[in-house]
């Protein structure tokens, strides 16, 4: 049996173009205020250089919440450090979640801040070489003083080592 797309390719392209999946805020309904808050499912299409930490920081305000995204997508994510561009992820949000700005603009701003912070704390990997001094002229005043007489020999020979020989 030959595998077939569930949608025609043109319908799939129309869905992507007409309904962008990036950071879609769930629609609010009038009966959402009744009872406990039920999480609303949003869908996110992974872009190049996305990772679960970045998505958790945007959607939950805390990058350490990436595990929630992993649990919501247990069947679709085999390794947490590997998500692919174009992959669609489920993200569970509170009904009153409202994005501060579109995801692409937020991501661009975060990358700029990260680059500026890295540049501010970057230390060169090799210390700068000290400038080489030019030729130095040695004068007699720079030489160590020589003793005027040879050192005097000790008057007594050194004492014998302390040991006793037993016969």
N, C-alpha and C. Protein backbone atom coordinates (compact mmCIF):
# COMPACT_ATOMS: atom_id res chain seq x y z
N UNK A 1 0.84 -1.19 0.00
CA UNK A 1 0.00 0.00 0.00
C UNK A 1 0.88 1.24 0.00
N UNK A 2 0.58 2.15 -0.85
CA UNK A 2 1.37 3.37 -0.97
C UNK A 2 0.88 4.41 0.02
N UNK A 3 1.83 5.11 0.64
CA UNK A 3 1.48 6.14 1.61
C UNK A 3 0.99 7.39 0.90
N UNK A 4 -0.05 8.04 1.45
CA UNK A 4 -0.60 9.25 0.84
C UNK A 4 -0.71 10.33 1.89
N UNK A 5 -0.60 11.55 1.46
CA UNK A 5 -0.79 12.69 2.34
C UNK A 5 -2.26 12.74 2.77
N UNK A 6 -2.53 13.07 4.05
CA UNK A 6 -3.93 13.18 4.46
C UNK A 6 -4.61 14.38 3.81
N UNK A 7 -3.87 15.39 3.45
CA UNK A 7 -4.39 16.57 2.75
C UNK A 7 -3.62 16.73 1.45
N UNK A 8 -4.24 17.33 0.50
CA UNK A 8 -3.49 17.61 -0.72
C UNK A 8 -2.44 18.68 -0.39
N UNK A 9 -1.39 18.69 -1.14
CA UNK A 9 -0.30 19.63 -0.88
C UNK A 9 -0.77 21.07 -0.97
N UNK A 10 -1.65 21.38 -1.92
CA UNK A 10 -2.14 22.76 -2.05
C UNK A 10 -2.98 23.15 -0.84
N UNK A 11 -3.78 22.24 -0.29
CA UNK A 11 -4.58 22.55 0.91
C UNK A 11 -3.67 22.77 2.10
N UNK A 12 -2.60 22.00 2.19
CA UNK A 12 -1.65 22.15 3.29
C UNK A 12 -0.97 23.52 3.22
N UNK A 13 -0.55 23.94 2.02
CA UNK A 13 0.10 25.23 1.84
C UNK A 13 -0.86 26.36 2.18
N UNK A 14 -2.11 26.24 1.78
CA UNK A 14 -3.11 27.27 2.10
C UNK A 14 -3.29 27.37 3.60
N UNK A 15 -3.33 26.25 4.29
CA UNK A 15 -3.46 26.27 5.75
C UNK A 15 -2.28 26.98 6.39
N UNK A 16 -1.10 26.75 5.90
CA UNK A 16 0.08 27.39 6.47
C UNK A 16 0.11 28.89 6.18
N UNK A 17 -0.30 29.27 4.99
CA UNK A 17 -0.24 30.68 4.62
C UNK A 17 -1.38 31.47 5.26
N UNK A 18 -2.58 30.93 5.22
CA UNK A 18 -3.73 31.66 5.73
C UNK A 18 -3.76 31.68 7.25
N UNK A 19 -3.42 30.56 7.87
CA UNK A 19 -3.46 30.49 9.33
C UNK A 19 -2.06 30.29 9.86
N UNK A 20 -1.31 31.34 10.13
CA UNK A 20 0.03 31.15 10.68
C UNK A 20 -0.08 30.53 12.07
N UNK A 21 0.76 29.54 12.31
CA UNK A 21 0.68 28.81 13.57
C UNK A 21 1.54 29.42 14.66
N UNK A 22 2.35 30.41 14.34
CA UNK A 22 3.26 30.97 15.32
C UNK A 22 2.50 31.74 16.38
N UNK A 23 2.52 31.23 17.58
CA UNK A 23 1.98 31.92 18.75
C UNK A 23 0.53 32.32 18.58
N UNK A 24 -0.30 31.39 18.14
CA UNK A 24 -1.72 31.69 18.04
C UNK A 24 -2.32 31.73 19.44
N UNK A 25 -2.90 32.84 19.80
CA UNK A 25 -3.58 32.93 21.09
C UNK A 25 -4.93 32.25 20.97
N UNK A 26 -5.28 31.42 21.96
CA UNK A 26 -6.58 30.76 21.88
C UNK A 26 -7.71 31.77 22.01
N UNK A 27 -8.81 31.49 21.32
CA UNK A 27 -9.95 32.40 21.38
C UNK A 27 -10.64 32.26 22.73
N UNK A 28 -11.07 33.40 23.28
CA UNK A 28 -11.77 33.39 24.56
C UNK A 28 -13.27 33.21 24.32
N UNK A 29 -13.88 32.46 25.20
CA UNK A 29 -15.31 32.27 25.10
C UNK A 29 -15.96 32.81 26.36
N UNK A 30 -17.27 33.05 26.30
CA UNK A 30 -17.98 33.64 27.42
C UNK A 30 -18.05 32.69 28.61
N UNK A 31 -18.11 31.39 28.36
CA UNK A 31 -18.25 30.45 29.46
C UNK A 31 -16.88 30.00 30.01
N UNK A 32 -15.80 30.65 29.60
CA UNK A 32 -14.48 30.29 30.09
C UNK A 32 -14.28 30.71 31.55
N UNK A 33 -15.06 31.69 32.04
CA UNK A 33 -14.89 32.15 33.40
C UNK A 33 -15.59 31.25 34.42
N UNK A 34 -16.36 30.28 33.98
CA UNK A 34 -17.11 29.41 34.88
C UNK A 34 -16.26 28.20 35.21
N UNK A 35 -16.11 27.87 36.50
CA UNK A 35 -15.40 26.67 36.93
C UNK A 35 -13.89 26.87 36.91
N UNK A 36 -13.16 25.78 37.21
CA UNK A 36 -11.70 25.87 37.23
C UNK A 36 -11.15 26.10 35.82
N UNK A 37 -9.99 26.74 35.77
CA UNK A 37 -9.37 27.05 34.48
C UNK A 37 -8.89 25.75 33.82
N UNK A 38 -9.42 25.48 32.65
CA UNK A 38 -9.02 24.30 31.88
C UNK A 38 -7.97 24.77 30.88
N UNK A 39 -6.83 24.07 30.83
CA UNK A 39 -5.79 24.50 29.89
C UNK A 39 -6.30 24.49 28.46
N UNK A 40 -5.88 25.45 27.70
CA UNK A 40 -6.23 25.56 26.29
C UNK A 40 -5.02 25.14 25.48
N UNK A 41 -5.27 24.41 24.42
CA UNK A 41 -4.17 23.93 23.59
C UNK A 41 -3.88 24.92 22.47
N UNK A 42 -2.65 25.34 22.38
CA UNK A 42 -2.19 26.17 21.26
C UNK A 42 -1.21 25.32 20.46
N UNK A 43 -1.03 25.67 19.23
CA UNK A 43 -0.08 24.94 18.39
C UNK A 43 1.00 25.91 17.92
N UNK A 44 2.22 25.40 17.88
CA UNK A 44 3.36 26.21 17.47
C UNK A 44 4.13 25.46 16.41
N UNK A 45 4.44 26.14 15.31
CA UNK A 45 5.26 25.55 14.26
C UNK A 45 6.71 25.93 14.55
N UNK A 46 7.55 24.93 14.71
CA UNK A 46 8.95 25.14 15.07
C UNK A 46 9.67 25.85 13.92
N UNK A 47 10.44 26.85 14.28
CA UNK A 47 11.25 27.60 13.32
C UNK A 47 12.72 27.21 13.52
N UNK A 48 13.55 27.63 12.59
CA UNK A 48 14.99 27.36 12.72
C UNK A 48 15.50 28.00 14.01
N UNK A 49 16.37 27.34 14.70
CA UNK A 49 17.01 27.75 15.95
C UNK A 49 16.06 27.80 17.14
N UNK A 50 14.87 27.24 17.03
CA UNK A 50 13.98 27.11 18.19
C UNK A 50 14.46 25.95 19.05
N UNK A 51 14.18 26.04 20.34
CA UNK A 51 14.40 24.92 21.24
C UNK A 51 13.34 24.98 22.33
N UNK A 52 13.21 23.93 23.11
CA UNK A 52 12.14 23.87 24.10
C UNK A 52 12.30 24.94 25.18
N UNK A 53 13.53 25.29 25.52
CA UNK A 53 13.75 26.34 26.52
C UNK A 53 13.22 27.69 26.02
N UNK A 54 13.51 27.99 24.77
CA UNK A 54 13.06 29.25 24.20
C UNK A 54 11.53 29.31 24.13
N UNK A 55 10.91 28.21 23.72
CA UNK A 55 9.45 28.17 23.64
C UNK A 55 8.81 28.29 25.03
N UNK A 56 9.39 27.63 26.02
CA UNK A 56 8.86 27.71 27.38
C UNK A 56 9.00 29.13 27.93
N UNK A 57 10.09 29.79 27.61
CA UNK A 57 10.27 31.18 28.07
C UNK A 57 9.20 32.08 27.47
N UNK A 58 8.84 31.85 26.20
CA UNK A 58 7.82 32.69 25.57
C UNK A 58 6.42 32.38 26.09
N UNK A 59 6.05 31.12 26.09
CA UNK A 59 4.68 30.76 26.43
C UNK A 59 4.40 30.75 27.93
N UNK A 60 5.40 30.36 28.74
CA UNK A 60 5.17 30.25 30.18
C UNK A 60 5.90 31.32 30.99
N UNK A 61 6.81 32.05 30.34
CA UNK A 61 7.57 33.08 31.06
C UNK A 61 8.71 32.51 31.88
N UNK A 62 9.01 31.22 31.71
CA UNK A 62 10.06 30.57 32.47
C UNK A 62 10.64 29.44 31.62
N UNK A 63 11.90 29.55 31.25
CA UNK A 63 12.53 28.56 30.37
C UNK A 63 12.61 27.19 31.03
N UNK A 64 12.55 27.15 32.37
CA UNK A 64 12.64 25.86 33.07
C UNK A 64 11.37 25.02 32.92
N UNK A 65 10.32 25.58 32.36
CA UNK A 65 9.07 24.86 32.18
C UNK A 65 9.02 24.08 30.87
N UNK A 66 10.18 23.88 30.24
CA UNK A 66 10.22 23.17 28.96
C UNK A 66 9.67 21.75 29.07
N UNK A 67 9.69 21.18 30.28
CA UNK A 67 9.20 19.82 30.48
C UNK A 67 7.70 19.74 30.18
N UNK A 68 6.96 20.82 30.45
CA UNK A 68 5.52 20.82 30.14
C UNK A 68 5.28 20.65 28.64
N UNK A 69 6.09 21.30 27.84
CA UNK A 69 5.96 21.17 26.38
C UNK A 69 6.33 19.75 25.97
N UNK A 70 7.38 19.20 26.58
CA UNK A 70 7.79 17.84 26.27
C UNK A 70 6.69 16.84 26.61
N UNK A 71 6.06 17.00 27.77
CA UNK A 71 4.99 16.08 28.18
C UNK A 71 3.77 16.20 27.27
N UNK A 72 3.46 17.40 26.80
CA UNK A 72 2.31 17.59 25.92
C UNK A 72 2.56 16.99 24.53
N UNK A 73 3.82 16.76 24.20
CA UNK A 73 4.19 16.24 22.88
C UNK A 73 4.98 14.94 23.00
N UNK A 74 4.58 14.07 23.91
CA UNK A 74 5.34 12.84 24.17
C UNK A 74 5.56 12.00 22.93
N UNK A 75 4.59 11.87 22.10
CA UNK A 75 4.74 11.03 20.91
C UNK A 75 5.54 11.69 19.81
N UNK A 76 5.62 13.01 19.80
CA UNK A 76 6.26 13.71 18.69
C UNK A 76 7.71 14.11 18.93
N UNK A 77 8.15 14.07 20.19
CA UNK A 77 9.53 14.48 20.49
C UNK A 77 10.24 13.28 21.11
N UNK A 78 11.21 12.76 20.38
CA UNK A 78 11.95 11.60 20.89
C UNK A 78 13.08 12.06 21.82
N UNK A 79 13.83 13.07 21.37
CA UNK A 79 14.92 13.62 22.17
C UNK A 79 14.61 15.09 22.43
N UNK A 80 14.61 15.53 23.70
CA UNK A 80 14.24 16.92 24.00
C UNK A 80 15.13 17.97 23.34
N UNK A 81 16.36 17.63 23.06
CA UNK A 81 17.26 18.61 22.47
C UNK A 81 17.15 18.68 20.95
N UNK A 82 16.28 17.84 20.37
CA UNK A 82 16.17 17.82 18.91
C UNK A 82 14.71 18.05 18.51
N UNK A 83 14.44 19.27 18.04
CA UNK A 83 13.15 19.55 17.40
C UNK A 83 13.47 20.15 16.04
N UNK A 84 12.63 19.87 15.08
CA UNK A 84 12.96 20.21 13.70
C UNK A 84 12.07 21.34 13.19
N UNK A 85 12.63 22.24 12.35
CA UNK A 85 11.81 23.28 11.74
C UNK A 85 10.64 22.67 10.97
N UNK A 86 9.47 23.26 11.16
CA UNK A 86 8.27 22.76 10.51
C UNK A 86 7.46 21.83 11.39
N UNK A 87 8.06 21.31 12.44
CA UNK A 87 7.35 20.42 13.36
C UNK A 87 6.28 21.21 14.12
N UNK A 88 5.12 20.63 14.31
CA UNK A 88 4.02 21.28 15.02
C UNK A 88 3.99 20.75 16.45
N UNK A 89 4.07 21.66 17.42
CA UNK A 89 4.06 21.28 18.83
C UNK A 89 2.78 21.75 19.50
N UNK A 90 2.25 20.92 20.39
CA UNK A 90 1.10 21.30 21.22
C UNK A 90 1.65 21.99 22.46
N UNK A 91 1.01 23.09 22.84
CA UNK A 91 1.40 23.82 24.05
C UNK A 91 0.14 24.10 24.84
N UNK A 92 0.12 23.65 26.09
CA UNK A 92 -1.04 23.85 26.95
C UNK A 92 -0.88 25.17 27.70
N UNK A 93 -1.88 26.05 27.53
CA UNK A 93 -1.83 27.39 28.12
C UNK A 93 -3.05 27.63 28.99
N UNK A 94 -2.92 28.58 29.88
CA UNK A 94 -4.10 28.98 30.66
C UNK A 94 -5.02 29.77 29.73
N UNK A 95 -6.34 29.74 29.97
CA UNK A 95 -7.28 30.42 29.07
C UNK A 95 -7.06 31.93 28.97
N UNK A 96 -6.48 32.54 29.99
CA UNK A 96 -6.29 33.99 29.96
C UNK A 96 -4.92 34.40 29.44
N UNK A 97 -4.17 33.47 28.85
CA UNK A 97 -2.85 33.80 28.33
C UNK A 97 -2.99 34.73 27.14
N UNK A 98 -2.20 35.79 27.14
CA UNK A 98 -2.21 36.76 26.05
C UNK A 98 -0.76 37.10 25.74
N UNK A 99 -0.30 36.83 24.52
CA UNK A 99 1.12 37.08 24.23
C UNK A 99 1.44 38.57 24.27
N UNK A 100 2.57 38.93 24.87
CA UNK A 100 2.97 40.33 24.91
C UNK A 100 3.31 40.89 23.53
N UNK A 101 3.82 40.05 22.66
CA UNK A 101 4.18 40.44 21.29
C UNK A 101 4.25 39.17 20.45
N UNK A 102 4.19 39.29 19.15
CA UNK A 102 4.29 38.09 18.30
C UNK A 102 5.61 37.35 18.55
N UNK A 103 5.57 36.04 18.40
CA UNK A 103 6.72 35.20 18.72
C UNK A 103 7.97 35.60 17.93
N UNK A 104 7.83 35.86 16.64
CA UNK A 104 9.01 36.18 15.83
C UNK A 104 9.69 37.46 16.30
N UNK A 105 8.90 38.47 16.67
CA UNK A 105 9.49 39.72 17.18
C UNK A 105 10.14 39.49 18.53
N UNK A 106 9.49 38.72 19.40
CA UNK A 106 10.03 38.43 20.72
C UNK A 106 11.35 37.67 20.59
N UNK A 107 11.38 36.69 19.69
CA UNK A 107 12.58 35.88 19.49
C UNK A 107 13.73 36.75 18.98
N UNK A 108 13.44 37.65 18.04
CA UNK A 108 14.48 38.54 17.52
C UNK A 108 15.04 39.42 18.63
N UNK A 109 14.15 39.96 19.47
CA UNK A 109 14.58 40.84 20.57
C UNK A 109 15.42 40.07 21.58
N UNK A 110 15.02 38.84 21.89
CA UNK A 110 15.77 38.03 22.85
C UNK A 110 17.16 37.69 22.30
N UNK A 111 17.24 37.37 21.01
CA UNK A 111 18.55 37.07 20.40
C UNK A 111 19.46 38.29 20.45
N UNK A 112 18.93 39.49 20.18
CA UNK A 112 19.74 40.70 20.23
C UNK A 112 20.26 40.95 21.64
N UNK A 113 19.40 40.73 22.64
CA UNK A 113 19.82 40.92 24.04
C UNK A 113 20.91 39.91 24.39
N UNK A 114 20.75 38.66 23.95
CA UNK A 114 21.74 37.63 24.25
C UNK A 114 23.09 37.95 23.61
N UNK A 115 23.06 38.44 22.38
CA UNK A 115 24.32 38.78 21.70
C UNK A 115 25.00 39.95 22.40
N UNK A 116 24.22 40.95 22.80
CA UNK A 116 24.81 42.10 23.51
C UNK A 116 25.38 41.68 24.86
N UNK A 117 24.69 40.80 25.57
CA UNK A 117 25.18 40.34 26.87
C UNK A 117 26.46 39.53 26.71
N UNK A 118 26.52 38.70 25.68
CA UNK A 118 27.72 37.89 25.45
C UNK A 118 28.90 38.79 25.10
N UNK A 119 28.66 39.82 24.30
CA UNK A 119 29.74 40.73 23.93
C UNK A 119 30.24 41.51 25.14
N UNK A 120 29.34 41.81 26.08
CA UNK A 120 29.73 42.57 27.26
C UNK A 120 30.61 41.77 28.21
N UNK A 121 30.41 40.45 28.26
CA UNK A 121 31.19 39.64 29.19
C UNK A 121 32.27 38.82 28.52
N UNK A 122 32.38 38.91 27.21
CA UNK A 122 33.40 38.12 26.51
C UNK A 122 34.79 38.58 26.91
N UNK A 123 35.62 37.61 27.25
CA UNK A 123 37.02 37.86 27.59
C UNK A 123 37.83 37.19 26.49
N UNK A 124 38.86 37.87 26.00
CA UNK A 124 39.67 37.23 24.96
C UNK A 124 40.23 35.90 25.47
N UNK A 125 40.28 34.93 24.58
CA UNK A 125 40.75 33.60 24.98
C UNK A 125 42.25 33.60 25.25
N UNK A 126 43.03 34.43 24.56
CA UNK A 126 44.47 34.52 24.80
C UNK A 126 44.78 35.91 25.33
N UNK A 127 45.59 35.96 26.37
CA UNK A 127 45.94 37.29 26.88
C UNK A 127 46.76 38.05 25.83
N UNK A 128 46.61 39.34 25.85
CA UNK A 128 47.35 40.16 24.90
C UNK A 128 48.84 40.06 25.20
N UNK A 129 49.64 39.92 24.16
CA UNK A 129 51.09 39.80 24.35
C UNK A 129 51.66 41.14 24.80
N UNK A 130 52.58 41.07 25.76
CA UNK A 130 53.23 42.29 26.24
C UNK A 130 54.11 42.84 25.12
N UNK A 131 54.17 44.14 25.01
CA UNK A 131 55.01 44.70 23.94
C UNK A 131 56.47 44.34 24.19
N UNK A 132 57.15 43.99 23.13
CA UNK A 132 58.57 43.63 23.25
C UNK A 132 59.39 44.89 23.42
N UNK A 133 60.27 44.85 24.42
CA UNK A 133 61.12 46.03 24.60
C UNK A 133 62.16 46.10 23.47
N UNK A 134 62.59 47.29 23.21
CA UNK A 134 63.62 47.48 22.19
C UNK A 134 64.97 46.99 22.73
N UNK A 135 66.04 47.21 21.98
CA UNK A 135 67.35 46.78 22.45
C UNK A 135 67.73 47.52 23.74
N UNK A 136 68.35 46.78 24.66
CA UNK A 136 68.75 47.35 25.95
C UNK A 136 70.26 47.44 26.00
N UNK A 137 70.76 48.57 26.43
CA UNK A 137 72.20 48.76 26.56
C UNK A 137 72.57 48.50 28.02
N UNK A 138 73.50 47.59 28.23
CA UNK A 138 73.92 47.25 29.59
C UNK A 138 75.09 48.14 29.97
N UNK A 139 74.93 48.76 31.12
CA UNK A 139 75.99 49.65 31.65
C UNK A 139 76.61 48.96 32.86
N UNK A 140 77.80 49.37 33.26
CA UNK A 140 78.46 48.74 34.43
C UNK A 140 77.63 48.86 35.71
N UNK A 141 76.84 49.89 35.83
CA UNK A 141 76.05 50.05 37.05
C UNK A 141 74.94 48.99 37.14
N UNK A 142 74.61 48.35 36.03
CA UNK A 142 73.57 47.34 36.03
C UNK A 142 74.09 45.97 36.47
N UNK A 143 75.42 45.77 36.40
CA UNK A 143 75.99 44.48 36.74
C UNK A 143 76.05 44.31 38.26
N UNK A 144 75.96 43.06 38.75
CA UNK A 144 76.07 42.86 40.19
C UNK A 144 77.49 43.16 40.67
N UNK A 145 77.61 43.56 41.92
CA UNK A 145 78.93 43.87 42.47
C UNK A 145 79.70 42.59 42.70
N UNK A 146 81.02 42.65 42.38
CA UNK A 146 81.88 41.50 42.60
C UNK A 146 82.53 41.63 43.98
N UNK A 147 82.69 40.50 44.66
CA UNK A 147 83.37 40.60 45.95
C UNK A 147 84.84 41.00 45.74
N UNK A 148 85.35 41.80 46.64
CA UNK A 148 86.73 42.27 46.49
C UNK A 148 87.74 41.20 46.87
N UNK A 149 87.43 40.32 47.81
CA UNK A 149 88.37 39.27 48.21
C UNK A 149 87.64 37.93 48.11
N UNK A 150 88.42 36.84 47.91
CA UNK A 150 87.77 35.54 47.87
C UNK A 150 87.18 35.21 49.25
N UNK A 151 86.16 34.42 49.30
CA UNK A 151 85.55 34.12 50.60
C UNK A 151 86.53 33.40 51.51
N UNK A 152 86.51 33.74 52.77
CA UNK A 152 87.41 33.13 53.75
C UNK A 152 86.96 31.70 54.03
N UNK A 153 87.98 30.82 54.23
CA UNK A 153 87.66 29.43 54.52
C UNK A 153 87.35 29.30 56.00
N UNK A 154 86.48 28.37 56.34
CA UNK A 154 86.15 28.22 57.75
C UNK A 154 87.38 27.77 58.56
N UNK A 155 87.47 28.24 59.79
CA UNK A 155 88.62 27.94 60.65
C UNK A 155 88.59 26.48 61.10
N UNK A 156 87.46 25.95 61.43
CA UNK A 156 87.36 24.57 61.90
C UNK A 156 86.68 23.73 60.83
N UNK A 157 87.10 22.47 60.73
CA UNK A 157 86.41 21.60 59.80
C UNK A 157 85.00 21.30 60.32
N UNK A 158 84.12 20.96 59.49
CA UNK A 158 82.76 20.67 59.96
C UNK A 158 82.75 19.49 60.91
N UNK A 159 81.81 19.50 61.82
CA UNK A 159 81.72 18.45 62.83
C UNK A 159 81.35 17.13 62.17
N UNK A 160 81.82 16.03 62.79
CA UNK A 160 81.54 14.70 62.27
C UNK A 160 80.07 14.38 62.52
N UNK A 161 79.53 13.53 61.69
CA UNK A 161 78.12 13.18 61.91
C UNK A 161 77.96 12.43 63.22
N UNK A 162 76.80 12.54 63.81
CA UNK A 162 76.51 11.91 65.09
C UNK A 162 76.02 10.50 64.87
N UNK A 163 76.89 9.50 65.07
CA UNK A 163 76.47 8.12 65.07
C UNK A 163 77.47 7.32 65.87
N UNK A 164 77.05 6.21 66.35
CA UNK A 164 77.90 5.35 67.18
C UNK A 164 78.05 4.02 66.46
N UNK A 165 79.30 3.55 66.43
CA UNK A 165 79.54 2.29 65.78
C UNK A 165 79.64 1.20 66.85
N UNK A 166 78.83 0.20 66.68
CA UNK A 166 78.86 -0.91 67.64
C UNK A 166 79.71 -2.05 67.08
N UNK A 167 80.53 -2.66 67.99
CA UNK A 167 81.37 -3.76 67.55
C UNK A 167 80.83 -5.07 67.97
